[in-house]
């Protein structure tokens, strides 16, 4: 906070006025800039609830510039910044898909032998017999003899794709929750709760749906961390029916957004609404350091909370500001 010249003792009129002035630079603003840089300028013990969905490292346009190491450093750094800026007893909620998938040249390459998806009835034994009967035949000649493609010959014999799949590194699967918990604990933020957002299956986005036993993507996780302090529990925030239906339930049934023309990774307003209503009160300050198209800020405003939104991409900052101004869904 040295950039602003703040004394955190707040023992003079001048220091109080300076702090109030700085507060106005952030409250109810969508800020264009790097999250880590902006977070370092937010006053201490300032934010009641931070709710965000970071880049998932799955190849989206807005995260394509990041290497895996850079992605880890970004999320780790943002988590670390929260210990200072959160109020005591405040919450940090991270919405993220828990399975991270990326190419890793350090793990063995493998190829699925998808029996149910084969277009040719030619088997490996058929090819071996043809090779024995025609020892001088090359792959093209074997394909002619068996009435199949050269690709089928190589796939059956080598379990590799003649189009180049054999040279691509395999996909590594990594659970994200453990990383988040480790990074939070390093900064004295403790896992308080965990919710599962069960959404409709993302059939179009599931690259493996027909190629493996892996499940279709149909859920995400909300990891709730708290800063040590007094956590105020007020069950009057929700009605009795709401507490029974979702407030005290570990799985939230919420459909994903019907469109993604504003942002590739937009989440539904209902997800933000439930989180904000459950963990904050009117007048509280809600932070989203990866605000994207502005959903968290829009919902916070509707629920009579204050908001701070940050994003590094100018086009999303403009979309978020326009949504807040118009309050369009």
C-alpha atoms as a PDB file:
ATOM      1  CA  UNK A   1       0.000   0.000   0.000  1.00  0.00           C
ATOM      2  CA  UNK A   2       3.008   2.324  -0.138  1.00  0.00           C
ATOM      3  CA  UNK A   3       1.861   3.659  -3.509  1.00  0.00           C
ATOM      4  CA  UNK A   4      -0.996   5.420  -1.734  1.00  0.00           C
ATOM      5  CA  UNK A   5       1.003   6.493   1.309  1.00  0.00           C
ATOM      6  CA  UNK A   6      -1.522   5.010   3.753  1.00  0.00           C
ATOM      7  CA  UNK A   7      -1.021   4.776   7.488  1.00  0.00           C
ATOM      8  CA  UNK A   8      -2.943   1.733   8.681  1.00  0.00           C
ATOM      9  CA  UNK A   9      -3.268   3.100  12.196  1.00  0.00           C
ATOM     10  CA  UNK A  10      -6.089   5.454  11.115  1.00  0.00           C
ATOM     11  CA  UNK A  11      -5.375   7.687  14.074  1.00  0.00           C
ATOM     12  CA  UNK A  12      -5.737  11.028  12.312  1.00  0.00           C
ATOM     13  CA  UNK A  13      -8.441  12.751  10.298  1.00  0.00           C
ATOM     14  CA  UNK A  14      -6.092  12.940   7.314  1.00  0.00           C
ATOM     15  CA  UNK A  15      -5.397   9.199   7.288  1.00  0.00           C
ATOM     16  CA  UNK A  16      -9.122   8.393   7.541  1.00  0.00           C
ATOM     17  CA  UNK A  17      -9.916  10.748   4.670  1.00  0.00           C
ATOM     18  CA  UNK A  18      -7.120   9.283   2.546  1.00  0.00           C
ATOM     19  CA  UNK A  19      -8.393   5.771   3.159  1.00  0.00           C
ATOM     20  CA  UNK A  20     -11.939   6.804   2.251  1.00  0.00           C
ATOM     21  CA  UNK A  21     -10.650   8.362  -0.953  1.00  0.00           C
ATOM     22  CA  UNK A  22      -8.817   5.179  -1.885  1.00  0.00           C
ATOM     23  CA  UNK A  23     -11.905   3.096  -1.135  1.00  0.00           C
ATOM     24  CA  UNK A  24     -13.879   5.103  -3.683  1.00  0.00           C
ATOM     25  CA  UNK A  25     -11.352   4.127  -6.355  1.00  0.00           C
ATOM     26  CA  UNK A  26     -12.490   0.508  -6.063  1.00  0.00           C
ATOM     27  CA  UNK A  27     -16.050   0.279  -4.758  1.00  0.00           C
ATOM     28  CA  UNK A  28     -18.644  -0.296  -7.474  1.00  0.00           C
ATOM     29  CA  UNK A  29     -16.057  -0.165 -10.228  1.00  0.00           C
ATOM     30  CA  UNK A  30     -15.041  -2.527 -13.024  1.00  0.00           C
ATOM     31  CA  UNK A  31     -11.297  -2.057 -13.319  1.00  0.00           C
ATOM     32  CA  UNK A  32      -9.242  -2.831 -16.411  1.00  0.00           C
ATOM     33  CA  UNK A  33      -5.884  -4.280 -15.450  1.00  0.00           C
ATOM     34  CA  UNK A  34      -3.865  -7.200 -14.145  1.00  0.00           C
ATOM     35  CA  UNK A  35      -5.551  -8.873 -11.173  1.00  0.00           C
ATOM     36  CA  UNK A  36      -2.401  -9.240  -9.100  1.00  0.00           C
ATOM     37  CA  UNK A  37      -1.441  -5.599  -9.621  1.00  0.00           C
ATOM     38  CA  UNK A  38      -4.895  -4.287  -8.709  1.00  0.00           C
ATOM     39  CA  UNK A  39      -5.327  -6.584  -5.711  1.00  0.00           C
ATOM     40  CA  UNK A  40      -2.073  -5.272  -4.258  1.00  0.00           C
ATOM     41  CA  UNK A  41      -3.624  -1.787  -4.209  1.00  0.00           C
ATOM     42  CA  UNK A  42      -6.851  -2.730  -2.403  1.00  0.00           C
ATOM     43  CA  UNK A  43      -6.830  -1.708   1.296  1.00  0.00           C
ATOM     44  CA  UNK A  44      -6.345  -4.244   4.079  1.00  0.00           C
ATOM     45  CA  UNK A  45      -9.387  -6.014   5.573  1.00  0.00           C
ATOM     46  CA  UNK A  46     -11.616  -4.493   2.899  1.00  0.00           C
ATOM     47  CA  UNK A  47     -13.541  -7.286   1.152  1.00  0.00           C
ATOM     48  CA  UNK A  48     -16.395  -9.278   2.724  1.00  0.00           C
ATOM     49  CA  UNK A  49     -16.727 -11.955   0.029  1.00  0.00           C
ATOM     50  CA  UNK A  50     -14.627 -12.810  -3.000  1.00  0.00           C
ATOM     51  CA  UNK A  51     -16.375 -14.996  -5.574  1.00  0.00           C
ATOM     52  CA  UNK A  52     -14.728 -15.850  -8.859  1.00  0.00           C
ATOM     53  CA  UNK A  53     -14.173 -18.377 -11.573  1.00  0.00           C
ATOM     54  CA  UNK A  54     -10.551 -18.251 -12.779  1.00  0.00           C
ATOM     55  CA  UNK A  55      -9.132 -19.367 -16.119  1.00  0.00           C
ATOM     56  CA  UNK A  56      -9.378 -23.178 -16.148  1.00  0.00           C
ATOM     57  CA  UNK A  57      -6.310 -23.775 -18.354  1.00  0.00           C
ATOM     58  CA  UNK A  58      -8.364 -25.594 -20.978  1.00  0.00           C
ATOM     59  CA  UNK A  59      -7.354 -23.570 -24.039  1.00  0.00           C
ATOM     60  CA  UNK A  60      -9.878 -20.718 -23.977  1.00  0.00           C
ATOM     61  CA  UNK A  61      -8.919 -17.612 -25.934  1.00  0.00           C
ATOM     62  CA  UNK A  62      -8.511 -15.421 -22.853  1.00  0.00           C
ATOM     63  CA  UNK A  63      -6.027 -17.853 -21.261  1.00  0.00           C
ATOM     64  CA  UNK A  64      -4.150 -19.086 -24.320  1.00  0.00           C
ATOM     65  CA  UNK A  65      -1.136 -16.909 -23.494  1.00  0.00           C
ATOM     66  CA  UNK A  66      -0.462 -18.832 -20.264  1.00  0.00           C
ATOM     67  CA  UNK A  67       1.850 -21.800 -19.833  1.00  0.00           C
ATOM     68  CA  UNK A  68       0.933 -24.294 -17.115  1.00  0.00           C
ATOM     69  CA  UNK A  69       3.534 -22.769 -14.801  1.00  0.00           C
ATOM     70  CA  UNK A  70       2.253 -19.263 -15.507  1.00  0.00           C
ATOM     71  CA  UNK A  71      -1.322 -20.395 -14.854  1.00  0.00           C
ATOM     72  CA  UNK A  72      -0.324 -21.849 -11.497  1.00  0.00           C
ATOM     73  CA  UNK A  73       1.577 -18.699 -10.526  1.00  0.00           C
ATOM     74  CA  UNK A  74      -1.404 -16.540 -11.459  1.00  0.00           C
ATOM     75  CA  UNK A  75      -3.987 -18.455  -9.421  1.00  0.00           C
ATOM     76  CA  UNK A  76      -1.584 -18.976  -6.526  1.00  0.00           C
ATOM     77  CA  UNK A  77      -0.769 -15.275  -6.446  1.00  0.00           C
ATOM     78  CA  UNK A  78      -4.414 -14.199  -6.502  1.00  0.00           C
ATOM     79  CA  UNK A  79      -5.255 -16.623  -3.689  1.00  0.00           C
ATOM     80  CA  UNK A  80      -2.309 -15.339  -1.640  1.00  0.00           C
ATOM     81  CA  UNK A  81      -3.449 -11.722  -2.013  1.00  0.00           C
ATOM     82  CA  UNK A  82      -6.770 -12.518  -0.339  1.00  0.00           C
ATOM     83  CA  UNK A  83      -5.427 -13.012   3.152  1.00  0.00           C
ATOM     84  CA  UNK A  84      -4.617  -9.325   3.399  1.00  0.00           C
ATOM     85  CA  UNK A  85      -7.668  -7.852   1.657  1.00  0.00           C
ATOM     86  CA  UNK A  86     -10.373 -10.104   3.137  1.00  0.00           C
ATOM     87  CA  UNK A  87     -12.027  -9.030   6.361  1.00  0.00           C
ATOM     88  CA  UNK A  88     -11.591 -11.384   9.299  1.00  0.00           C
ATOM     89  CA  UNK A  89     -14.226 -14.095   9.009  1.00  0.00           C
ATOM     90  CA  UNK A  90     -14.655 -13.263   5.306  1.00  0.00           C
ATOM     91  CA  UNK A  91     -14.939 -15.840   2.538  1.00  0.00           C
ATOM     92  CA  UNK A  92     -13.086 -16.662  -0.660  1.00  0.00           C
ATOM     93  CA  UNK A  93     -15.157 -18.822  -3.036  1.00  0.00           C
ATOM     94  CA  UNK A  94     -13.534 -20.292  -6.145  1.00  0.00           C
ATOM     95  CA  UNK A  95     -15.730 -21.879  -8.817  1.00  0.00           C
ATOM     96  CA  UNK A  96     -13.727 -24.231 -11.008  1.00  0.00           C
ATOM     97  CA  UNK A  97     -13.891 -27.514 -12.887  1.00  0.00           C
ATOM     98  CA  UNK A  98     -11.949 -29.910 -10.690  1.00  0.00           C
ATOM     99  CA  UNK A  99     -10.268 -31.907 -13.449  1.00  0.00           C
ATOM    100  CA  UNK A 100      -7.487 -30.137 -15.285  1.00  0.00           C
ATOM    101  CA  UNK A 101      -6.494 -31.609 -18.654  1.00  0.00           C
ATOM    102  CA  UNK A 102      -3.408 -30.679 -20.608  1.00  0.00           C
ATOM    103  CA  UNK A 103      -0.781 -32.189 -22.866  1.00  0.00           C
ATOM    104  CA  UNK A 104       2.223 -33.561 -20.969  1.00  0.00           C
ATOM    105  CA  UNK A 105       5.225 -35.011 -22.805  1.00  0.00           C
ATOM    106  CA  UNK A 106       6.500 -36.547 -19.553  1.00  0.00           C
ATOM    107  CA  UNK A 107       3.817 -39.252 -19.344  1.00  0.00           C
ATOM    108  CA  UNK A 108       3.665 -42.349 -21.592  1.00  0.00           C
ATOM    109  CA  UNK A 109       1.880 -41.977 -24.894  1.00  0.00           C
ATOM    110  CA  UNK A 110      -1.100 -44.214 -25.384  1.00  0.00           C
ATOM    111  CA  UNK A 111      -3.938 -44.667 -27.819  1.00  0.00           C
ATOM    112  CA  UNK A 112      -7.429 -45.918 -27.146  1.00  0.00           C
ATOM    113  CA  UNK A 113      -8.353 -49.164 -28.880  1.00  0.00           C
ATOM    114  CA  UNK A 114     -11.983 -48.202 -29.406  1.00  0.00           C
ATOM    115  CA  UNK A 115     -13.625 -51.478 -30.402  1.00  0.00           C
ATOM    116  CA  UNK A 116     -17.114 -50.016 -30.656  1.00  0.00           C
ATOM    117  CA  UNK A 117     -16.039 -47.247 -33.021  1.00  0.00           C
ATOM    118  CA  UNK A 118     -14.081 -49.175 -35.638  1.00  0.00           C
ATOM    119  CA  UNK A 119     -15.260 -48.670 -39.195  1.00  0.00           C
ATOM    120  CA  UNK A 120     -13.273 -51.573 -40.607  1.00  0.00           C
ATOM    121  CA  UNK A 121     -13.786 -55.206 -39.605  1.00  0.00           C
ATOM    122  CA  UNK A 122     -10.145 -56.006 -40.384  1.00  0.00           C
ATOM    123  CA  UNK A 123      -8.355 -57.262 -37.264  1.00  0.00           C
ATOM    124  CA  UNK A 124      -4.716 -57.426 -36.269  1.00  0.00           C
ATOM    125  CA  UNK A 125      -4.743 -61.191 -36.876  1.00  0.00           C
ATOM    126  CA  UNK A 126      -6.088 -60.636 -40.394  1.00  0.00           C
ATOM    127  CA  UNK A 127      -3.157 -58.331 -41.132  1.00  0.00           C
ATOM    128  CA  UNK A 128      -0.586 -60.706 -39.650  1.00  0.00           C
ATOM    129  CA  UNK A 129      -1.898 -63.555 -41.801  1.00  0.00           C
ATOM    130  CA  UNK A 130      -1.769 -61.328 -44.895  1.00  0.00           C
ATOM    131  CA  UNK A 131       1.801 -60.327 -44.059  1.00  0.00           C
ATOM    132  CA  UNK A 132       2.791 -63.962 -43.679  1.00  0.00           C
ATOM    133  CA  UNK A 133       1.212 -64.850 -46.997  1.00  0.00           C
ATOM    134  CA  UNK A 134       2.700 -61.784 -48.706  1.00  0.00           C
ATOM    135  CA  UNK A 135       6.094 -61.165 -47.046  1.00  0.00           C
ATOM    136  CA  UNK A 136       7.162 -58.566 -49.617  1.00  0.00           C
ATOM    137  CA  UNK A 137       3.944 -56.523 -49.477  1.00  0.00           C
ATOM    138  CA  UNK A 138       4.207 -52.978 -48.159  1.00  0.00           C
ATOM    139  CA  UNK A 139       1.453 -51.237 -46.218  1.00  0.00           C
ATOM    140  CA  UNK A 140      -0.289 -49.998 -49.361  1.00  0.00           C
ATOM    141  CA  UNK A 141      -0.330 -53.491 -50.872  1.00  0.00           C
ATOM    142  CA  UNK A 142      -1.632 -55.024 -47.633  1.00  0.00           C
ATOM    143  CA  UNK A 143      -4.438 -52.463 -47.610  1.00  0.00           C
ATOM    144  CA  UNK A 144      -5.385 -53.450 -51.170  1.00  0.00           C
ATOM    145  CA  UNK A 145      -5.369 -57.147 -50.286  1.00  0.00           C
ATOM    146  CA  UNK A 146      -7.564 -56.667 -47.189  1.00  0.00           C
ATOM    147  CA  UNK A 147      -9.794 -53.989 -48.657  1.00  0.00           C
ATOM    148  CA  UNK A 148      -9.028 -51.378 -46.002  1.00  0.00           C
ATOM    149  CA  UNK A 149      -7.000 -48.197 -45.635  1.00  0.00           C
ATOM    150  CA  UNK A 150      -3.293 -47.855 -44.890  1.00  0.00           C
ATOM    151  CA  UNK A 151      -4.323 -46.078 -41.719  1.00  0.00           C
ATOM    152  CA  UNK A 152      -6.185 -49.187 -40.582  1.00  0.00           C
ATOM    153  CA  UNK A 153      -3.073 -51.300 -41.187  1.00  0.00           C
ATOM    154  CA  UNK A 154      -0.911 -49.043 -39.020  1.00  0.00           C
ATOM    155  CA  UNK A 155      -3.563 -48.611 -36.326  1.00  0.00           C
ATOM    156  CA  UNK A 156      -4.016 -52.370 -35.944  1.00  0.00           C
ATOM    157  CA  UNK A 157      -0.311 -53.229 -35.983  1.00  0.00           C
ATOM    158  CA  UNK A 158       1.206 -50.295 -34.096  1.00  0.00           C
ATOM    159  CA  UNK A 159      -1.786 -48.904 -32.199  1.00  0.00           C
ATOM    160  CA  UNK A 160      -0.894 -45.532 -33.698  1.00  0.00           C
ATOM    161  CA  UNK A 161      -2.592 -43.122 -36.052  1.00  0.00           C
ATOM    162  CA  UNK A 162      -0.890 -42.726 -39.443  1.00  0.00           C
ATOM    163  CA  UNK A 163      -2.046 -39.052 -39.467  1.00  0.00           C
ATOM    164  CA  UNK A 164       0.335 -38.142 -36.678  1.00  0.00           C
ATOM    165  CA  UNK A 165      -1.381 -39.049 -33.424  1.00  0.00           C
ATOM    166  CA  UNK A 166       1.617 -41.135 -32.407  1.00  0.00           C
ATOM    167  CA  UNK A 167       3.764 -37.998 -32.131  1.00  0.00           C
ATOM    168  CA  UNK A 168       1.371 -36.019 -29.932  1.00  0.00           C
ATOM    169  CA  UNK A 169       1.927 -36.041 -26.163  1.00  0.00           C
ATOM    170  CA  UNK A 170      -0.744 -37.720 -24.072  1.00  0.00           C
ATOM    171  CA  UNK A 171      -3.286 -35.855 -22.015  1.00  0.00           C
ATOM    172  CA  UNK A 172      -2.559 -35.548 -18.313  1.00  0.00           C
ATOM    173  CA  UNK A 173      -5.404 -35.420 -15.795  1.00  0.00           C
ATOM    174  CA  UNK A 174      -4.865 -33.391 -12.624  1.00  0.00           C
ATOM    175  CA  UNK A 175      -7.235 -32.640  -9.732  1.00  0.00           C
ATOM    176  CA  UNK A 176      -7.393 -28.911  -9.059  1.00  0.00           C
ATOM    177  CA  UNK A 177      -8.936 -28.945  -5.574  1.00  0.00           C
ATOM    178  CA  UNK A 178      -5.739 -30.120  -3.927  1.00  0.00           C
ATOM    179  CA  UNK A 179      -3.740 -27.340  -5.561  1.00  0.00           C
ATOM    180  CA  UNK A 180      -6.189 -24.691  -4.381  1.00  0.00           C
ATOM    181  CA  UNK A 181      -6.219 -26.011  -0.832  1.00  0.00           C
ATOM    182  CA  UNK A 182      -2.413 -26.086  -0.677  1.00  0.00           C
ATOM    183  CA  UNK A 183      -2.137 -22.523  -1.997  1.00  0.00           C
ATOM    184  CA  UNK A 184      -4.780 -21.307   0.447  1.00  0.00           C
ATOM    185  CA  UNK A 185      -3.184 -23.021   3.445  1.00  0.00           C
ATOM    186  CA  UNK A 186       0.169 -21.464   2.600  1.00  0.00           C
ATOM    187  CA  UNK A 187      -1.552 -18.120   3.190  1.00  0.00           C
ATOM    188  CA  UNK A 188      -3.581 -19.006   6.300  1.00  0.00           C
ATOM    189  CA  UNK A 189      -6.864 -19.393   4.439  1.00  0.00           C
ATOM    190  CA  UNK A 190      -8.747 -22.511   5.478  1.00  0.00           C
ATOM    191  CA  UNK A 191     -11.205 -24.700   3.602  1.00  0.00           C
ATOM    192  CA  UNK A 192     -14.592 -23.977   5.175  1.00  0.00           C
ATOM    193  CA  UNK A 193     -17.004 -25.776   2.861  1.00  0.00           C
ATOM    194  CA  UNK A 194     -17.407 -27.334  -0.552  1.00  0.00           C
ATOM    195  CA  UNK A 195     -20.372 -27.274  -2.939  1.00  0.00           C
ATOM    196  CA  UNK A 196     -20.912 -29.027  -6.241  1.00  0.00           C
ATOM    197  CA  UNK A 197     -22.580 -27.197  -9.096  1.00  0.00           C
ATOM    198  CA  UNK A 198     -24.420 -29.835 -11.126  1.00  0.00           C
ATOM    199  CA  UNK A 199     -25.154 -28.402 -14.546  1.00  0.00           C
ATOM    200  CA  UNK A 200     -26.487 -29.862 -17.764  1.00  0.00           C
ATOM    201  CA  UNK A 201     -23.978 -32.105 -19.576  1.00  0.00           C
ATOM    202  CA  UNK A 202     -21.618 -30.247 -21.894  1.00  0.00           C
ATOM    203  CA  UNK A 203     -21.881 -32.736 -24.735  1.00  0.00           C
ATOM    204  CA  UNK A 204     -20.413 -30.455 -27.370  1.00  0.00           C
ATOM    205  CA  UNK A 205     -17.373 -29.651 -25.242  1.00  0.00           C
ATOM    206  CA  UNK A 206     -16.566 -33.216 -24.229  1.00  0.00           C
ATOM    207  CA  UNK A 207     -13.699 -34.285 -26.478  1.00  0.00           C
ATOM    208  CA  UNK A 208     -13.632 -37.755 -24.979  1.00  0.00           C
ATOM    209  CA  UNK A 209     -17.322 -38.620 -24.986  1.00  0.00           C
ATOM    210  CA  UNK A 210     -17.009 -41.231 -27.740  1.00  0.00           C
ATOM    211  CA  UNK A 211     -13.326 -42.090 -27.349  1.00  0.00           C
ATOM    212  CA  UNK A 212     -12.887 -43.303 -23.769  1.00  0.00           C
ATOM    213  CA  UNK A 213     -14.571 -44.243 -20.509  1.00  0.00           C
ATOM    214  CA  UNK A 214     -14.202 -40.697 -19.189  1.00  0.00           C
ATOM    215  CA  UNK A 215     -17.402 -39.006 -18.047  1.00  0.00           C
ATOM    216  CA  UNK A 216     -19.098 -36.151 -19.832  1.00  0.00           C
ATOM    217  CA  UNK A 217     -18.435 -32.820 -18.116  1.00  0.00           C
ATOM    218  CA  UNK A 218     -21.557 -31.970 -16.099  1.00  0.00           C
ATOM    219  CA  UNK A 219     -20.384 -30.514 -12.803  1.00  0.00           C
ATOM    220  CA  UNK A 220     -18.067 -27.914 -11.305  1.00  0.00           C
ATOM    221  CA  UNK A 221     -16.896 -27.229  -7.758  1.00  0.00           C
ATOM    222  CA  UNK A 222     -17.166 -24.296  -5.389  1.00  0.00           C
ATOM    223  CA  UNK A 223     -14.307 -24.301  -2.883  1.00  0.00           C
ATOM    224  CA  UNK A 224     -15.106 -22.029   0.055  1.00  0.00           C
ATOM    225  CA  UNK A 225     -12.151 -20.746   2.084  1.00  0.00           C
ATOM    226  CA  UNK A 226     -12.321 -18.517   5.140  1.00  0.00           C
ATOM    227  CA  UNK A 227      -9.976 -16.035   6.769  1.00  0.00           C
ATOM    228  CA  UNK A 228      -9.637 -16.669  10.519  1.00  0.00           C
ATOM    229  CA  UNK A 229     -12.040 -14.513  12.506  1.00  0.00           C
ATOM    230  CA  UNK A 230     -15.652 -14.461  13.664  1.00  0.00           C
ATOM    231  CA  UNK A 231     -17.946 -15.879  10.990  1.00  0.00           C
ATOM    232  CA  UNK A 232     -21.415 -14.370  11.347  1.00  0.00           C
ATOM    233  CA  UNK A 233     -24.144 -16.985  10.837  1.00  0.00           C
ATOM    234  CA  UNK A 234     -27.498 -15.452   9.916  1.00  0.00           C
ATOM    235  CA  UNK A 235     -30.102 -17.939   8.745  1.00  0.00           C
ATOM    236  CA  UNK A 236     -32.478 -15.062   8.077  1.00  0.00           C
ATOM    237  CA  UNK A 237     -30.573 -14.449   4.870  1.00  0.00           C
ATOM    238  CA  UNK A 238     -32.662 -17.217   3.313  1.00  0.00           C
ATOM    239  CA  UNK A 239     -36.218 -18.457   3.770  1.00  0.00           C
ATOM    240  CA  UNK A 240     -36.799 -21.827   5.423  1.00  0.00           C
ATOM    241  CA  UNK A 241     -37.655 -23.299   2.023  1.00  0.00           C
ATOM    242  CA  UNK A 242     -34.432 -21.936   0.519  1.00  0.00           C
ATOM    243  CA  UNK A 243     -32.367 -23.378   3.355  1.00  0.00           C
ATOM    244  CA  UNK A 244     -33.966 -26.759   2.745  1.00  0.00           C
ATOM    245  CA  UNK A 245     -33.748 -26.619  -1.050  1.00  0.00           C
ATOM    246  CA  UNK A 246     -30.196 -25.327  -1.520  1.00  0.00           C
ATOM    247  CA  UNK A 247     -28.767 -23.344   1.399  1.00  0.00           C
ATOM    248  CA  UNK A 248     -27.795 -26.445   3.359  1.00  0.00           C
ATOM    249  CA  UNK A 249     -27.390 -28.769   0.377  1.00  0.00           C
ATOM    250  CA  UNK A 250     -24.041 -29.884  -0.973  1.00  0.00           C
ATOM    251  CA  UNK A 251     -25.199 -30.126  -4.599  1.00  0.00           C
ATOM    252  CA  UNK A 252     -26.722 -27.188  -6.468  1.00  0.00           C
ATOM    253  CA  UNK A 253     -28.763 -28.024  -9.557  1.00  0.00           C
ATOM    254  CA  UNK A 254     -28.303 -25.045 -11.883  1.00  0.00           C
ATOM    255  CA  UNK A 255     -28.404 -25.063 -15.661  1.00  0.00           C
ATOM    256  CA  UNK A 256     -25.450 -23.520 -17.447  1.00  0.00           C
ATOM    257  CA  UNK A 257     -25.850 -20.377 -19.552  1.00  0.00           C
ATOM    258  CA  UNK A 258     -27.767 -20.829 -22.799  1.00  0.00           C
ATOM    259  CA  UNK A 259     -25.242 -18.762 -24.754  1.00  0.00           C
ATOM    260  CA  UNK A 260     -21.598 -17.791 -24.551  1.00  0.00           C
ATOM    261  CA  UNK A 261     -21.472 -14.948 -27.048  1.00  0.00           C
ATOM    262  CA  UNK A 262     -20.474 -12.479 -24.316  1.00  0.00           C
ATOM    263  CA  UNK A 263     -17.738 -14.643 -22.811  1.00  0.00           C
ATOM    264  CA  UNK A 264     -16.408 -18.155 -23.414  1.00  0.00           C
ATOM    265  CA  UNK A 265     -16.539 -19.036 -19.718  1.00  0.00           C
ATOM    266  CA  UNK A 266     -19.679 -17.280 -18.482  1.00  0.00           C
ATOM    267  CA  UNK A 267     -21.478 -18.849 -15.519  1.00  0.00           C
ATOM    268  CA  UNK A 268     -25.200 -18.403 -14.709  1.00  0.00           C
ATOM    269  CA  UNK A 269     -26.429 -15.554 -12.543  1.00  0.00           C
ATOM    270  CA  UNK A 270     -28.151 -18.019 -10.233  1.00  0.00           C
ATOM    271  CA  UNK A 271     -24.772 -19.465  -9.212  1.00  0.00           C
ATOM    272  CA  UNK A 272     -23.529 -16.023  -8.176  1.00  0.00           C
ATOM    273  CA  UNK A 273     -26.870 -15.180  -6.545  1.00  0.00           C
ATOM    274  CA  UNK A 274     -26.845 -18.223  -4.282  1.00  0.00           C
ATOM    275  CA  UNK A 275     -23.234 -17.692  -3.248  1.00  0.00           C
ATOM    276  CA  UNK A 276     -23.678 -13.998  -2.532  1.00  0.00           C
ATOM    277  CA  UNK A 277     -26.963 -14.403  -0.640  1.00  0.00           C
ATOM    278  CA  UNK A 278     -25.612 -17.295   1.430  1.00  0.00           C
ATOM    279  CA  UNK A 279     -22.325 -15.688   2.469  1.00  0.00           C
ATOM    280  CA  UNK A 280     -22.904 -11.924   2.596  1.00  0.00           C
ATOM    281  CA  UNK A 281     -25.305  -9.172   3.642  1.00  0.00           C
ATOM    282  CA  UNK A 282     -26.630  -6.082   1.833  1.00  0.00           C
ATOM    283  CA  UNK A 283     -23.983  -3.373   1.842  1.00  0.00           C
ATOM    284  CA  UNK A 284     -21.084  -5.852   1.874  1.00  0.00           C
ATOM    285  CA  UNK A 285     -18.240  -5.604  -0.647  1.00  0.00           C
ATOM    286  CA  UNK A 286     -18.088  -8.428  -3.210  1.00  0.00           C
ATOM    287  CA  UNK A 287     -14.894  -8.937  -5.235  1.00  0.00           C
ATOM    288  CA  UNK A 288     -14.349 -10.744  -8.530  1.00  0.00           C
ATOM    289  CA  UNK A 289     -10.727 -10.502  -9.774  1.00  0.00           C
ATOM    290  CA  UNK A 290     -11.616 -12.365 -13.007  1.00  0.00           C
ATOM    291  CA  UNK A 291     -14.905 -10.585 -13.637  1.00  0.00           C
ATOM    292  CA  UNK A 292     -15.184 -11.425 -17.346  1.00  0.00           C
ATOM    293  CA  UNK A 293     -18.604 -10.361 -18.640  1.00  0.00           C
ATOM    294  CA  UNK A 294     -19.536  -9.034 -15.197  1.00  0.00           C
ATOM    295  CA  UNK A 295     -21.966 -11.622 -13.823  1.00  0.00           C
ATOM    296  CA  UNK A 296     -20.738 -11.387 -10.213  1.00  0.00           C
ATOM    297  CA  UNK A 297     -20.902  -7.591 -10.237  1.00  0.00           C
ATOM    298  CA  UNK A 298     -24.330  -7.509 -11.903  1.00  0.00           C
ATOM    299  CA  UNK A 299     -25.783  -9.890  -9.323  1.00  0.00           C
ATOM    300  CA  UNK A 300     -24.104  -8.059  -6.443  1.00  0.00           C
ATOM    301  CA  UNK A 301     -25.699  -4.810  -7.552  1.00  0.00           C
ATOM    302  CA  UNK A 302     -29.123  -6.451  -7.872  1.00  0.00           C
ATOM    303  CA  UNK A 303     -28.763  -7.809  -4.338  1.00  0.00           C
ATOM    304  CA  UNK A 304     -27.800  -4.370  -2.966  1.00  0.00           C
ATOM    305  CA  UNK A 305     -24.168  -5.280  -2.355  1.00  0.00           C
ATOM    306  CA  UNK A 306     -21.155  -3.255  -3.400  1.00  0.00           C
ATOM    307  CA  UNK A 307     -18.824  -4.785  -5.969  1.00  0.00           C
ATOM    308  CA  UNK A 308     -15.287  -4.674  -7.295  1.00  0.00           C
ATOM    309  CA  UNK A 309     -14.558  -6.299 -10.656  1.00  0.00           C
ATOM    310  CA  UNK A 310     -11.175  -6.710 -12.334  1.00  0.00           C
ATOM    311  CA  UNK A 311     -10.280  -8.061 -15.766  1.00  0.00           C
ATOM    312  CA  UNK A 312      -7.199  -7.844 -17.970  1.00  0.00           C
ATOM    313  CA  UNK A 313      -9.175  -7.825 -21.246  1.00  0.00           C
ATOM    314  CA  UNK A 314     -10.640  -4.485 -22.218  1.00  0.00           C
ATOM    315  CA  UNK A 315     -13.529  -5.911 -24.245  1.00  0.00           C
ATOM    316  CA  UNK A 316     -14.828  -7.806 -21.217  1.00  0.00           C
ATOM    317  CA  UNK A 317     -14.479  -4.754 -19.003  1.00  0.00           C
ATOM    318  CA  UNK A 318     -16.681  -2.820 -21.430  1.00  0.00           C
ATOM    319  CA  UNK A 319     -19.269  -5.620 -21.553  1.00  0.00           C
ATOM    320  CA  UNK A 320     -19.359  -5.816 -17.756  1.00  0.00           C
ATOM    321  CA  UNK A 321     -19.803  -2.059 -17.419  1.00  0.00           C
ATOM    322  CA  UNK A 322     -22.603  -2.026 -19.992  1.00  0.00           C
ATOM    323  CA  UNK A 323     -24.404  -4.895 -18.250  1.00  0.00           C
ATOM    324  CA  UNK A 324     -24.241  -3.149 -14.908  1.00  0.00           C
ATOM    325  CA  UNK A 325     -25.481   0.113 -16.359  1.00  0.00           C
ATOM    326  CA  UNK A 326     -28.376  -1.512 -18.187  1.00  0.00           C
ATOM    327  CA  UNK A 327     -28.990  -4.407 -15.746  1.00  0.00           C
ATOM    328  CA  UNK A 328     -29.819  -6.563 -18.774  1.00  0.00           C
ATOM    329  CA  UNK A 329     -29.810 -10.340 -18.273  1.00  0.00           C
END
